[in-house]
């Protein structure tokens, strides 16, 4: 794949999704969703793993509702949804040390810092969980803001845009799903896909496998 060149002078700020863009948590999150539901049949487990891997970047509560309907044929109560979300959070925080950074991300972030480019995070994970992970990783101070749920990603991106836009230059959002692309479009941000998402190609969405394929100057 041809290397993508980003000129920092073209942008007001960089904003990143978290899962699959900063940290490779795809398998960990899929396992966490399965863990949250407890004992499952092999078919149910496969359904959950496949669904999560295809729908990363979306609100976890909506995913829990869909999965409850899919595997349990039930409409989950608010108490059940809260319990599922808590179990997922506990699983993710307990295994976060197993998740590696997306290749080249730390070097890209360091280069952005050297160029004094403001950086932010807009994720679909709960904000408290996001901040706990960033503190664990020791990188929270590198970001002007880091927003998550319960505020929808589109609204968080709009807030970041209002706060960090300068000289009428756009912001650039890095995401790994079509929902990330859609959020960037609705928020008036440029977008660069990260990861091997086959859905990007038919829509001619510019993307890179990881940050090793992105040159910042």
Protein backbone atom coordinates (compact mmCIF):
# COMPACT_ATOMS: atom_id res chain seq x y z
CA UNK A 1 0.00 0.00 0.00
CA UNK A 2 1.24 3.47 -0.91
CA UNK A 3 2.28 5.62 2.04
CA UNK A 4 -0.14 8.42 2.91
CA UNK A 5 1.42 11.82 3.52
CA UNK A 6 -0.23 14.24 5.95
CA UNK A 7 0.87 17.87 6.11
CA UNK A 8 0.27 19.11 9.63
CA UNK A 9 -0.07 22.67 8.33
CA UNK A 10 -3.30 21.63 6.55
CA UNK A 11 -5.11 20.89 9.82
CA UNK A 12 -6.17 22.56 13.05
CA UNK A 13 -6.07 19.35 15.08
CA UNK A 14 -5.97 15.56 14.99
CA UNK A 15 -8.64 13.46 16.67
CA UNK A 16 -8.51 9.70 17.19
CA UNK A 17 -10.97 6.95 17.86
CA UNK A 18 -9.53 4.60 20.49
CA UNK A 19 -10.29 0.93 19.83
CA UNK A 20 -8.48 -0.24 16.70
CA UNK A 21 -6.83 3.14 16.16
CA UNK A 22 -4.74 3.76 19.27
CA UNK A 23 -4.84 0.34 20.88
CA UNK A 24 -5.50 -3.03 19.22
CA UNK A 25 -8.39 -4.01 21.48
CA UNK A 26 -10.52 -5.70 18.80
CA UNK A 27 -10.08 -9.24 20.15
CA UNK A 28 -10.19 -8.09 23.78
CA UNK A 29 -13.50 -6.25 23.28
CA UNK A 30 -15.02 -9.17 21.37
CA UNK A 31 -14.04 -11.53 24.19
CA UNK A 32 -15.44 -9.02 26.69
CA UNK A 33 -18.85 -8.93 25.02
CA UNK A 34 -19.00 -12.73 25.09
CA UNK A 35 -17.85 -12.77 28.74
CA UNK A 36 -20.58 -10.29 29.68
CA UNK A 37 -23.30 -12.73 28.59
CA UNK A 38 -21.89 -15.66 30.56
CA UNK A 39 -22.45 -19.24 29.43
CA UNK A 40 -23.08 -19.47 25.69
CA UNK A 41 -23.39 -22.13 23.04
CA UNK A 42 -20.67 -22.33 20.39
CA UNK A 43 -23.01 -20.76 17.83
CA UNK A 44 -23.95 -17.91 20.16
CA UNK A 45 -20.31 -17.25 20.95
CA UNK A 46 -19.47 -17.12 17.26
CA UNK A 47 -22.36 -14.74 16.59
CA UNK A 48 -21.17 -12.35 19.29
CA UNK A 49 -17.54 -12.41 18.20
CA UNK A 50 -18.43 -11.79 14.56
CA UNK A 51 -20.93 -9.05 15.38
CA UNK A 52 -18.53 -7.14 17.62
CA UNK A 53 -15.68 -7.29 15.13
CA UNK A 54 -17.96 -5.92 12.40
CA UNK A 55 -19.53 -3.21 14.54
CA UNK A 56 -16.72 -1.69 16.54
CA UNK A 57 -17.06 2.03 17.14
CA UNK A 58 -20.79 1.92 17.91
CA UNK A 59 -22.48 2.55 21.24
CA UNK A 60 -22.05 -0.55 23.41
CA UNK A 61 -25.57 -0.25 24.83
CA UNK A 62 -27.07 -0.48 21.35
CA UNK A 63 -24.85 -3.50 20.71
CA UNK A 64 -25.99 -5.17 23.94
CA UNK A 65 -29.63 -4.59 22.96
CA UNK A 66 -29.05 -6.13 19.53
CA UNK A 67 -27.12 -9.09 20.92
CA UNK A 68 -29.72 -9.74 23.62
CA UNK A 69 -32.38 -9.88 20.93
CA UNK A 70 -30.19 -12.03 18.72
CA UNK A 71 -29.05 -14.71 21.17
CA UNK A 72 -31.67 -14.52 23.89
CA UNK A 73 -34.72 -13.38 21.97
CA UNK A 74 -35.31 -10.86 24.76
CA UNK A 75 -35.64 -7.11 25.22
CA UNK A 76 -33.12 -6.36 27.99
CA UNK A 77 -34.11 -4.16 30.92
CA UNK A 78 -32.08 -1.07 31.84
CA UNK A 79 -30.76 -3.00 34.84
CA UNK A 80 -29.64 -5.87 32.59
CA UNK A 81 -27.91 -3.47 30.21
CA UNK A 82 -26.08 -1.80 33.08
CA UNK A 83 -24.94 -5.18 34.40
CA UNK A 84 -23.71 -6.26 30.95
CA UNK A 85 -21.80 -3.00 30.51
CA UNK A 86 -20.21 -3.33 33.96
CA UNK A 87 -19.04 -6.88 33.20
CA UNK A 88 -17.58 -5.73 29.89
CA UNK A 89 -15.72 -2.85 31.56
CA UNK A 90 -14.29 -5.15 34.23
CA UNK A 91 -13.10 -7.62 31.60
CA UNK A 92 -11.48 -4.94 29.43
CA UNK A 93 -9.71 -3.21 32.32
CA UNK A 94 -8.52 -6.58 33.60
CA UNK A 95 -6.95 -7.47 30.25
CA UNK A 96 -5.87 -4.12 28.86
CA UNK A 97 -2.19 -4.91 29.39
CA UNK A 98 -2.56 -7.64 26.75
CA UNK A 99 -3.59 -5.16 24.06
CA UNK A 100 -0.74 -3.75 21.96
CA UNK A 101 -0.62 -0.31 20.41
CA UNK A 102 -1.52 -0.02 16.75
CA UNK A 103 1.82 -0.14 14.93
CA UNK A 104 3.43 3.27 14.55
CA UNK A 105 0.86 5.11 16.68
CA UNK A 106 3.19 6.21 19.48
CA UNK A 107 5.75 7.48 16.98
CA UNK A 108 3.02 9.34 15.09
CA UNK A 109 1.74 10.88 18.33
CA UNK A 110 5.26 11.94 19.33
CA UNK A 111 5.77 13.59 15.93
CA UNK A 112 2.45 15.41 16.29
CA UNK A 113 3.57 16.67 19.71
CA UNK A 114 6.87 17.87 18.25
CA UNK A 115 4.90 19.80 15.61
CA UNK A 116 2.65 21.25 18.35
CA UNK A 117 -0.42 19.73 16.76
CA UNK A 118 -3.36 19.57 19.21
CA UNK A 119 -4.64 16.00 19.61
CA UNK A 120 -7.93 14.70 20.99
CA UNK A 121 -9.88 11.45 21.35
CA UNK A 122 -13.54 10.75 20.54
CA UNK A 123 -14.52 7.18 21.40
CA UNK A 124 -17.71 5.17 21.79
CA UNK A 125 -16.54 3.62 25.06
CA UNK A 126 -17.73 5.10 28.38
CA UNK A 127 -15.72 8.22 29.19
CA UNK A 128 -14.70 7.08 32.68
CA UNK A 129 -13.39 3.79 31.26
CA UNK A 130 -11.52 5.68 28.53
CA UNK A 131 -9.81 7.95 31.05
CA UNK A 132 -8.90 5.02 33.29
CA UNK A 133 -7.24 3.25 30.34
CA UNK A 134 -5.40 6.42 29.24
CA UNK A 135 -4.08 6.88 32.79
CA UNK A 136 -2.99 3.24 32.88
CA UNK A 137 -1.15 3.68 29.58
CA UNK A 138 0.40 6.95 30.75
CA UNK A 139 -0.63 8.93 27.65
CA UNK A 140 -3.60 10.99 28.86
CA UNK A 141 -1.52 14.18 29.06
CA UNK A 142 -0.83 13.99 25.31
CA UNK A 143 -4.45 14.84 24.48
CA UNK A 144 -6.23 18.16 24.91
CA UNK A 145 -9.49 16.30 25.57
CA UNK A 146 -10.69 12.69 25.55
CA UNK A 147 -14.43 12.21 25.21
CA UNK A 148 -16.59 9.11 25.30
CA UNK A 149 -20.14 7.98 26.02
CA UNK A 150 -22.80 8.72 27.15
CA UNK A 151 -22.46 11.69 24.75
CA UNK A 152 -22.69 10.37 21.16
CA UNK A 153 -19.51 10.52 19.10
CA UNK A 154 -20.95 13.00 16.59
CA UNK A 155 -21.69 15.48 19.38
CA UNK A 156 -18.24 15.01 20.92
CA UNK A 157 -16.58 15.59 17.55
CA UNK A 158 -18.58 18.79 17.11
CA UNK A 159 -17.47 19.97 20.56
CA UNK A 160 -13.84 19.20 19.75
CA UNK A 161 -14.16 20.96 16.42
CA UNK A 162 -15.53 24.11 18.05
CA UNK A 163 -12.77 24.12 20.67
CA UNK A 164 -9.73 23.32 18.53
CA UNK A 165 -10.38 24.74 15.05
CA UNK A 166 -8.05 27.60 14.11
CA UNK A 167 -7.52 29.65 10.95
CA UNK A 168 -10.49 27.91 9.28
CA UNK A 169 -8.43 24.74 8.85
CA UNK A 170 -10.31 21.43 9.23
CA UNK A 171 -9.68 18.76 11.80
CA UNK A 172 -8.66 15.21 10.84
CA UNK A 173 -10.35 12.22 12.48
CA UNK A 174 -8.67 8.80 12.48
CA UNK A 175 -11.12 5.88 12.73
CA UNK A 176 -11.42 2.22 11.84
CA UNK A 177 -15.10 1.79 10.97
CA UNK A 178 -17.75 3.19 8.65
CA UNK A 179 -19.55 4.59 11.70
CA UNK A 180 -16.39 6.61 12.42
CA UNK A 181 -16.37 7.85 8.83
CA UNK A 182 -20.05 8.79 9.08
CA UNK A 183 -19.45 10.67 12.36
CA UNK A 184 -16.58 12.60 10.78
CA UNK A 185 -18.72 13.48 7.76
CA UNK A 186 -21.59 14.72 9.93
CA UNK A 187 -19.17 16.78 12.04
CA UNK A 188 -17.42 18.39 9.08
CA UNK A 189 -14.06 16.72 9.69
CA UNK A 190 -11.67 15.10 7.25
CA UNK A 191 -11.21 11.36 7.76
CA UNK A 192 -8.45 8.78 7.47
CA UNK A 193 -9.25 5.12 7.95
CA UNK A 194 -6.91 2.95 10.00
CA UNK A 195 -6.84 -0.83 9.73
CA UNK A 196 -7.89 -3.57 7.32
CA UNK A 197 -11.52 -2.58 6.89
CA UNK A 198 -12.71 -3.96 3.55
CA UNK A 199 -15.71 -1.63 3.66
CA UNK A 200 -13.46 1.37 3.02
CA UNK A 201 -12.41 0.28 -0.47
CA UNK A 202 -15.78 0.29 -2.30
CA UNK A 203 -16.46 3.79 -0.94
CA UNK A 204 -13.00 5.03 -1.94
CA UNK A 205 -12.27 6.07 1.64
CA UNK A 206 -8.61 6.93 2.11
CA UNK A 207 -7.07 4.50 4.59
CA UNK A 208 -3.84 3.00 5.89
CA UNK A 209 -3.16 -0.39 7.49
CA UNK A 210 -1.52 1.32 10.46
CA UNK A 211 0.48 4.44 11.29
CA UNK A 212 3.63 2.98 9.76
CA UNK A 213 1.92 3.75 6.45
CA UNK A 214 1.26 7.39 7.42
CA UNK A 215 3.97 10.04 7.04
CA UNK A 216 3.50 13.27 9.00
CA UNK A 217 5.39 16.38 7.98
